[in-house]
Amino acid sequence: MESRINVAVIDDGSLAIQGAIKVLENSRHIHLSGVFPHVRGVYGIGEERLDSLTVIADPFAPGISPESLSEMTDRVPVLGMSAQVEQGYVLQALRSGVHGYVSKDVDPSNLVAATAAVSSGGFFLGLRIADVLFLPREIDPLEEQPARVPELTRREKDVLVMIAQGLTHKQIGNRLTLSKATVDTYAYRIRQKVGAVNKAGLTRFAVEVGLVQ
C-alpha cells in the first residue's frame, strides 16, 4: 500500500486555506494529521509525528513571525501558501526557509504536487510565483546589498541557475551536454562553496545574490 504524506495545516481563517484543507482531505496521497490555529499547535503534535510531517502555512498570516517561521522550517518541510505574491514577499519567505511557495489560488493538482515535492526534500514554486520571482529584482536602497558570490566557475554558475529554475540534474546535463554524474559533481562542489545542504538552499542562494533574474 502506498504510504501517504502526513500534512498539518495552520489555519488562518481564510477561504483559500479552507479550500486547501478540503483538497488535502480528498487526496489519496495525503493524510491530514491536523489543522491548527497557530505554530505552537503543530509542535504539540509530538516529536515522533513531527519527524514525518509537512506543514502548509501562510508565512504572512497573523501570529506567524519571521522568527517562528524560520524555526519551523529548520524542523519540518514547510510549503508557503499565500495571497502575497509580490517579489518582496516571496523573497522574504524564502529567506525564512520555506521549501516551496504557491499562491492561494493554486489549483488542486498543483497543491498536491507541491506538497509531495517539499515533503520529499525538494523545492517547489508555483508557476505564478516563479514568473514573479525571476523578474529583475527591484533594489531597496535601505536594504543590505547581497553577499558577494563565492568564486564559482562559469560552468558552476550555469548549473546553479538551472537548479534554481527547477531543472533536474539529467535535464541540466542534456542542456549542457554533460553526463548526469558530472552535473552531480558540479552540484556537490557548489553546495560546498555556498554552504547549502540541498536544492532549496541552492535556490535561495541564487535568488539572494541575483543570479536568477
C-alpha atoms as a PDB file:
ATOM      1  CA  MET A   1       0.000   0.000   0.000  1.00  0.00           C
ATOM      2  CA  GLU A   2       1.334   3.429  -0.967  1.00  0.00           C
ATOM      3  CA  SER A   3       2.360   5.496   2.034  1.00  0.00           C
ATOM      4  CA  ARG A   4       0.644   8.841   2.346  1.00  0.00           C
ATOM      5  CA  ILE A   5       2.170  12.208   3.172  1.00  0.00           C
ATOM      6  CA  ASN A   6       1.432  13.449   6.675  1.00  0.00           C
ATOM      7  CA  VAL A   7       0.375  17.076   6.475  1.00  0.00           C
ATOM      8  CA  ALA A   8      -0.534  19.697   9.054  1.00  0.00           C
ATOM      9  CA  VAL A   9      -2.181  22.976   8.097  1.00  0.00           C
ATOM     10  CA  ILE A  10      -2.014  26.225  10.028  1.00  0.00           C
ATOM     11  CA  ASP A  11      -5.487  27.660   9.536  1.00  0.00           C
ATOM     12  CA  ASP A  12      -5.544  31.444   9.177  1.00  0.00           C
ATOM     13  CA  GLY A  13      -9.319  31.506   8.715  1.00  0.00           C
ATOM     14  CA  SER A  14      -9.174  32.370   5.017  1.00  0.00           C
ATOM     15  CA  LEU A  15     -11.482  30.759   2.475  1.00  0.00           C
ATOM     16  CA  ALA A  16      -8.436  29.699   0.445  1.00  0.00           C
ATOM     17  CA  ILE A  17      -6.998  27.700   3.337  1.00  0.00           C
ATOM     18  CA  GLN A  18     -10.398  26.121   3.937  1.00  0.00           C
ATOM     19  CA  GLY A  19     -10.426  25.092   0.283  1.00  0.00           C
ATOM     20  CA  ALA A  20      -6.916  23.687   0.577  1.00  0.00           C
ATOM     21  CA  ILE A  21      -7.959  21.614   3.573  1.00  0.00           C
ATOM     22  CA  LYS A  22     -10.775  20.081   1.507  1.00  0.00           C
ATOM     23  CA  VAL A  23      -8.356  19.272  -1.314  1.00  0.00           C
ATOM     24  CA  LEU A  24      -5.953  17.576   1.098  1.00  0.00           C
ATOM     25  CA  GLU A  25      -8.735  15.612   2.780  1.00  0.00           C
ATOM     26  CA  ASN A  26      -9.882  14.292  -0.594  1.00  0.00           C
ATOM     27  CA  SER A  27      -6.429  13.336  -1.881  1.00  0.00           C
ATOM     28  CA  ARG A  28      -5.440   9.674  -1.685  1.00  0.00           C
ATOM     29  CA  HIS A  29      -1.795  10.792  -1.440  1.00  0.00           C
ATOM     30  CA  ILE A  30      -2.302  12.921   1.681  1.00  0.00           C
ATOM     31  CA  HIS A  31      -3.071  12.150   5.299  1.00  0.00           C
ATOM     32  CA  LEU A  32      -4.245  15.303   7.060  1.00  0.00           C
ATOM     33  CA  SER A  33      -2.676  14.979  10.506  1.00  0.00           C
ATOM     34  CA  GLY A  34      -4.205  18.123  11.907  1.00  0.00           C
ATOM     35  CA  VAL A  35      -5.404  21.682  11.411  1.00  0.00           C
ATOM     36  CA  PHE A  36      -4.020  24.174  13.908  1.00  0.00           C
ATOM     37  CA  PRO A  37      -4.695  27.852  14.642  1.00  0.00           C
ATOM     38  CA  HIS A  38      -1.028  28.668  15.310  1.00  0.00           C
ATOM     39  CA  VAL A  39       2.535  27.341  15.134  1.00  0.00           C
ATOM     40  CA  ARG A  40       2.522  26.113  18.736  1.00  0.00           C
ATOM     41  CA  GLY A  41      -0.252  23.700  17.880  1.00  0.00           C
ATOM     42  CA  VAL A  42       1.970  21.988  15.312  1.00  0.00           C
ATOM     43  CA  TYR A  43       4.697  21.401  17.885  1.00  0.00           C
ATOM     44  CA  GLY A  44       2.113  19.871  20.190  1.00  0.00           C
ATOM     45  CA  ILE A  45       1.628  17.002  17.751  1.00  0.00           C
ATOM     46  CA  GLY A  46       4.557  15.149  19.335  1.00  0.00           C
ATOM     47  CA  GLU A  47       8.189  14.644  18.342  1.00  0.00           C
ATOM     48  CA  GLU A  48       7.656  11.262  16.699  1.00  0.00           C
ATOM     49  CA  ARG A  49       4.880  12.523  14.414  1.00  0.00           C
ATOM     50  CA  LEU A  50       6.691  15.815  13.831  1.00  0.00           C
ATOM     51  CA  ASP A  51       9.605  13.963  12.226  1.00  0.00           C
ATOM     52  CA  SER A  52       7.418  12.814   9.335  1.00  0.00           C
ATOM     53  CA  LEU A  53       5.299  15.946   8.989  1.00  0.00           C
ATOM     54  CA  THR A  54       4.949  18.530   6.231  1.00  0.00           C
ATOM     55  CA  VAL A  55       3.358  21.869   7.141  1.00  0.00           C
ATOM     56  CA  ILE A  56       1.310  24.175   4.926  1.00  0.00           C
ATOM     57  CA  ALA A  57       1.010  27.753   6.162  1.00  0.00           C
ATOM     58  CA  ASP A  58       0.709  31.353   5.036  1.00  0.00           C
ATOM     59  CA  PRO A  59       4.074  32.916   6.014  1.00  0.00           C
ATOM     60  CA  PHE A  60       2.343  36.265   6.474  1.00  0.00           C
ATOM     61  CA  ALA A  61      -0.681  35.161   8.457  1.00  0.00           C
ATOM     62  CA  PRO A  62      -1.283  36.830  11.825  1.00  0.00           C
ATOM     63  CA  GLY A  63       0.650  35.049  14.529  1.00  0.00           C
ATOM     64  CA  ILE A  64       3.406  33.765  12.236  1.00  0.00           C
ATOM     65  CA  SER A  65       6.524  35.868  12.666  1.00  0.00           C
ATOM     66  CA  PRO A  66       9.669  35.523  10.515  1.00  0.00           C
ATOM     67  CA  GLU A  67      11.390  34.065  13.589  1.00  0.00           C
ATOM     68  CA  SER A  68       8.725  31.435  14.245  1.00  0.00           C
ATOM     69  CA  LEU A  69       8.615  30.555  10.546  1.00  0.00           C
ATOM     70  CA  SER A  70      12.394  30.168  10.391  1.00  0.00           C
ATOM     71  CA  GLU A  71      12.354  27.947  13.477  1.00  0.00           C
ATOM     72  CA  MET A  72       9.651  25.784  11.971  1.00  0.00           C
ATOM     73  CA  THR A  73      11.429  25.402   8.606  1.00  0.00           C
ATOM     74  CA  ASP A  74      14.502  24.163  10.473  1.00  0.00           C
ATOM     75  CA  ARG A  75      12.447  21.304  11.887  1.00  0.00           C
ATOM     76  CA  VAL A  76       9.956  20.326   9.175  1.00  0.00           C
ATOM     77  CA  PRO A  77       9.371  20.953   5.460  1.00  0.00           C
ATOM     78  CA  VAL A  78       7.091  23.967   5.047  1.00  0.00           C
ATOM     79  CA  LEU A  79       5.061  24.868   1.981  1.00  0.00           C
ATOM     80  CA  GLY A  80       4.185  28.544   1.947  1.00  0.00           C
ATOM     81  CA  MET A  81       0.717  29.293   0.600  1.00  0.00           C
ATOM     82  CA  SER A  82      -0.197  32.954   0.460  1.00  0.00           C
ATOM     83  CA  ALA A  83      -2.128  35.650  -1.351  1.00  0.00           C
ATOM     84  CA  GLN A  84       1.042  37.746  -1.104  1.00  0.00           C
ATOM     85  CA  VAL A  85       2.718  37.060  -4.442  1.00  0.00           C
ATOM     86  CA  GLU A  86       4.775  40.209  -4.906  1.00  0.00           C
ATOM     87  CA  GLN A  87       8.500  39.605  -5.336  1.00  0.00           C
ATOM     88  CA  GLY A  88       9.467  41.136  -1.993  1.00  0.00           C
ATOM     89  CA  TYR A  89       7.106  38.886  -0.048  1.00  0.00           C
ATOM     90  CA  VAL A  90       8.278  35.769  -1.862  1.00  0.00           C
ATOM     91  CA  LEU A  91      11.929  36.617  -1.189  1.00  0.00           C
ATOM     92  CA  GLN A  92      11.159  37.221   2.480  1.00  0.00           C
ATOM     93  CA  ALA A  93       9.517  33.815   2.770  1.00  0.00           C
ATOM     94  CA  LEU A  94      12.454  32.142   1.030  1.00  0.00           C
ATOM     95  CA  ARG A  95      14.865  33.823   3.438  1.00  0.00           C
ATOM     96  CA  SER A  96      12.849  32.335   6.287  1.00  0.00           C
ATOM     97  CA  GLY A  97      13.483  28.912   4.814  1.00  0.00           C
ATOM     98  CA  VAL A  98      10.218  27.761   3.221  1.00  0.00           C
ATOM     99  CA  HIS A  99      10.722  24.765   0.975  1.00  0.00           C
ATOM    100  CA  GLY A 100       8.127  25.854  -1.547  1.00  0.00           C
ATOM    101  CA  TYR A 101       5.696  28.675  -2.258  1.00  0.00           C
ATOM    102  CA  VAL A 102       2.345  28.739  -4.038  1.00  0.00           C
ATOM    103  CA  SER A 103      -0.380  31.323  -4.339  1.00  0.00           C
ATOM    104  CA  LYS A 104      -3.698  30.824  -2.583  1.00  0.00           C
ATOM    105  CA  ASP A 105      -5.431  30.387  -5.938  1.00  0.00           C
ATOM    106  CA  VAL A 106      -3.270  27.348  -6.767  1.00  0.00           C
ATOM    107  CA  ASP A 107      -5.238  24.583  -8.468  1.00  0.00           C
ATOM    108  CA  PRO A 108      -5.794  21.327  -6.521  1.00  0.00           C
ATOM    109  CA  SER A 109      -3.422  19.169  -8.577  1.00  0.00           C
ATOM    110  CA  ASN A 110      -0.555  21.628  -8.165  1.00  0.00           C
ATOM    111  CA  LEU A 111      -1.214  21.914  -4.436  1.00  0.00           C
ATOM    112  CA  VAL A 112      -0.847  18.153  -4.058  1.00  0.00           C
ATOM    113  CA  ALA A 113       2.247  18.151  -6.308  1.00  0.00           C
ATOM    114  CA  ALA A 114       3.827  20.975  -4.298  1.00  0.00           C
ATOM    115  CA  THR A 115       3.129  19.165  -1.033  1.00  0.00           C
ATOM    116  CA  ALA A 116       4.681  15.968  -2.373  1.00  0.00           C
ATOM    117  CA  ALA A 117       7.754  17.837  -3.614  1.00  0.00           C
ATOM    118  CA  VAL A 118       8.585  19.591  -0.353  1.00  0.00           C
ATOM    119  CA  SER A 119       7.797  16.509   1.746  1.00  0.00           C
ATOM    120  CA  SER A 120      10.431  14.537  -0.187  1.00  0.00           C
ATOM    121  CA  GLY A 121      13.121  17.175   0.321  1.00  0.00           C
ATOM    122  CA  GLY A 122      12.548  19.004  -2.942  1.00  0.00           C
ATOM    123  CA  PHE A 123      11.692  22.601  -3.743  1.00  0.00           C
ATOM    124  CA  PHE A 124       8.550  23.855  -5.463  1.00  0.00           C
ATOM    125  CA  LEU A 125       7.470  27.214  -6.846  1.00  0.00           C
ATOM    126  CA  GLY A 126       4.018  27.710  -8.314  1.00  0.00           C
ATOM    127  CA  LEU A 127       4.086  28.956 -11.901  1.00  0.00           C
ATOM    128  CA  ARG A 128       2.695  32.325 -10.888  1.00  0.00           C
ATOM    129  CA  ILE A 129       5.343  32.633  -8.170  1.00  0.00           C
ATOM    130  CA  ALA A 130       8.171  31.640 -10.494  1.00  0.00           C
ATOM    131  CA  ASP A 131       7.078  34.267 -13.028  1.00  0.00           C
ATOM    132  CA  VAL A 132       7.212  36.964 -10.339  1.00  0.00           C
ATOM    133  CA  LEU A 133      10.389  35.743  -8.665  1.00  0.00           C
ATOM    134  CA  PHE A 134      12.508  35.657 -11.786  1.00  0.00           C
ATOM    135  CA  LEU A 135      11.685  39.198 -12.844  1.00  0.00           C
ATOM    136  CA  PRO A 136      14.538  41.719 -12.449  1.00  0.00           C
ATOM    137  CA  ARG A 137      14.759  42.496  -8.774  1.00  0.00           C
ATOM    138  CA  GLU A 138      13.765  45.911  -7.520  1.00  0.00           C
ATOM    139  CA  ILE A 139      16.522  47.208  -5.262  1.00  0.00           C
ATOM    140  CA  ASP A 140      15.563  48.817  -1.994  1.00  0.00           C
ATOM    141  CA  PRO A 141      18.241  51.427  -1.178  1.00  0.00           C
ATOM    142  CA  LEU A 142      17.764  50.723   2.543  1.00  0.00           C
ATOM    143  CA  GLU A 143      18.292  47.007   2.106  1.00  0.00           C
ATOM    144  CA  GLU A 144      21.684  45.456   2.679  1.00  0.00           C
ATOM    145  CA  GLN A 145      23.462  44.614  -0.541  1.00  0.00           C
ATOM    146  CA  PRO A 146      23.571  40.924  -1.469  1.00  0.00           C
ATOM    147  CA  ALA A 147      26.514  38.955  -0.207  1.00  0.00           C
ATOM    148  CA  ARG A 148      29.413  38.551  -2.627  1.00  0.00           C
ATOM    149  CA  VAL A 149      29.110  35.457  -4.769  1.00  0.00           C
ATOM    150  CA  PRO A 150      31.740  32.855  -3.861  1.00  0.00           C
ATOM    151  CA  GLU A 151      34.296  32.070  -6.550  1.00  0.00           C
ATOM    152  CA  LEU A 152      32.196  29.901  -8.819  1.00  0.00           C
ATOM    153  CA  THR A 153      33.344  28.904 -12.268  1.00  0.00           C
ATOM    154  CA  ARG A 154      31.229  29.871 -15.261  1.00  0.00           C
ATOM    155  CA  ARG A 155      30.013  26.289 -15.564  1.00  0.00           C
ATOM    156  CA  GLU A 156      29.150  26.148 -11.850  1.00  0.00           C
ATOM    157  CA  LYS A 157      27.103  29.326 -12.213  1.00  0.00           C
ATOM    158  CA  ASP A 158      25.281  27.848 -15.216  1.00  0.00           C
ATOM    159  CA  VAL A 159      24.444  24.717 -13.219  1.00  0.00           C
ATOM    160  CA  LEU A 160      23.355  26.740 -10.176  1.00  0.00           C
ATOM    161  CA  VAL A 161      20.995  28.913 -12.228  1.00  0.00           C
ATOM    162  CA  MET A 162      19.388  25.871 -13.835  1.00  0.00           C
ATOM    163  CA  ILE A 163      18.969  24.165 -10.465  1.00  0.00           C
ATOM    164  CA  ALA A 164      17.263  27.321  -9.181  1.00  0.00           C
ATOM    165  CA  GLN A 165      14.962  27.265 -12.201  1.00  0.00           C
ATOM    166  CA  GLY A 166      13.781  23.806 -11.216  1.00  0.00           C
ATOM    167  CA  LEU A 167      15.613  21.611 -13.729  1.00  0.00           C
ATOM    168  CA  THR A 168      16.688  18.110 -12.714  1.00  0.00           C
ATOM    169  CA  HIS A 169      20.345  17.091 -12.949  1.00  0.00           C
ATOM    170  CA  LYS A 170      19.511  14.963 -16.003  1.00  0.00           C
ATOM    171  CA  GLN A 171      17.805  17.910 -17.739  1.00  0.00           C
ATOM    172  CA  ILE A 172      20.788  20.156 -16.937  1.00  0.00           C
ATOM    173  CA  GLY A 173      23.122  17.549 -18.391  1.00  0.00           C
ATOM    174  CA  ASN A 174      21.099  17.425 -21.606  1.00  0.00           C
ATOM    175  CA  ARG A 175      21.205  21.209 -21.953  1.00  0.00           C
ATOM    176  CA  LEU A 176      24.935  21.482 -21.241  1.00  0.00           C
ATOM    177  CA  THR A 177      25.934  18.234 -22.985  1.00  0.00           C
ATOM    178  CA  LEU A 178      27.194  16.736 -19.735  1.00  0.00           C
ATOM    179  CA  SER A 179      26.571  13.410 -18.056  1.00  0.00           C
ATOM    180  CA  LYS A 180      24.297  13.333 -15.022  1.00  0.00           C
ATOM    181  CA  ALA A 181      27.279  12.202 -12.924  1.00  0.00           C
ATOM    182  CA  THR A 182      29.195  15.313 -13.981  1.00  0.00           C
ATOM    183  CA  VAL A 183      26.264  17.544 -13.054  1.00  0.00           C
ATOM    184  CA  ASP A 184      26.057  15.732  -9.688  1.00  0.00           C
ATOM    185  CA  THR A 185      29.702  16.620  -9.122  1.00  0.00           C
ATOM    186  CA  TYR A 186      29.144  20.267 -10.037  1.00  0.00           C
ATOM    187  CA  ALA A 187      26.156  20.444  -7.678  1.00  0.00           C
ATOM    188  CA  TYR A 188      28.216  18.950  -4.851  1.00  0.00           C
ATOM    189  CA  ARG A 189      31.022  21.478  -5.401  1.00  0.00           C
ATOM    190  CA  ILE A 190      28.553  24.359  -5.465  1.00  0.00           C
ATOM    191  CA  ARG A 191      26.925  23.208  -2.203  1.00  0.00           C
ATOM    192  CA  GLN A 192      30.341  23.075  -0.575  1.00  0.00           C
ATOM    193  CA  LYS A 193      31.234  26.570  -1.765  1.00  0.00           C
ATOM    194  CA  VAL A 194      27.976  28.318  -0.826  1.00  0.00           C
ATOM    195  CA  GLY A 195      27.198  26.316   2.315  1.00  0.00           C
ATOM    196  CA  ALA A 196      23.894  24.899   1.083  1.00  0.00           C
ATOM    197  CA  VAL A 197      22.748  21.434   2.095  1.00  0.00           C
ATOM    198  CA  ASN A 198      20.024  20.853  -0.508  1.00  0.00           C
ATOM    199  CA  LYS A 199      18.292  22.179  -3.616  1.00  0.00           C
ATOM    200  CA  ALA A 200      16.163  24.598  -1.608  1.00  0.00           C
ATOM    201  CA  GLY A 201      19.305  26.142  -0.121  1.00  0.00           C
ATOM    202  CA  LEU A 202      20.899  26.483  -3.546  1.00  0.00           C
ATOM    203  CA  THR A 203      17.769  28.148  -4.919  1.00  0.00           C
ATOM    204  CA  ARG A 204      17.604  30.623  -2.038  1.00  0.00           C
ATOM    205  CA  PHE A 205      21.286  31.451  -2.516  1.00  0.00           C
ATOM    206  CA  ALA A 206      20.865  32.023  -6.260  1.00  0.00           C
ATOM    207  CA  VAL A 207      17.948  34.376  -5.600  1.00  0.00           C
ATOM    208  CA  GLU A 208      19.742  36.229  -2.800  1.00  0.00           C
ATOM    209  CA  VAL A 209      22.828  37.030  -4.869  1.00  0.00           C
ATOM    210  CA  GLY A 210      20.887  37.928  -8.003  1.00  0.00           C
ATOM    211  CA  LEU A 211      21.976  35.047 -10.233  1.00  0.00           C
ATOM    212  CA  VAL A 212      18.343  34.252 -11.022  1.00  0.00           C
ATOM    213  CA  GLN A 213      16.502  37.120 -12.653  1.00  0.00           C
END
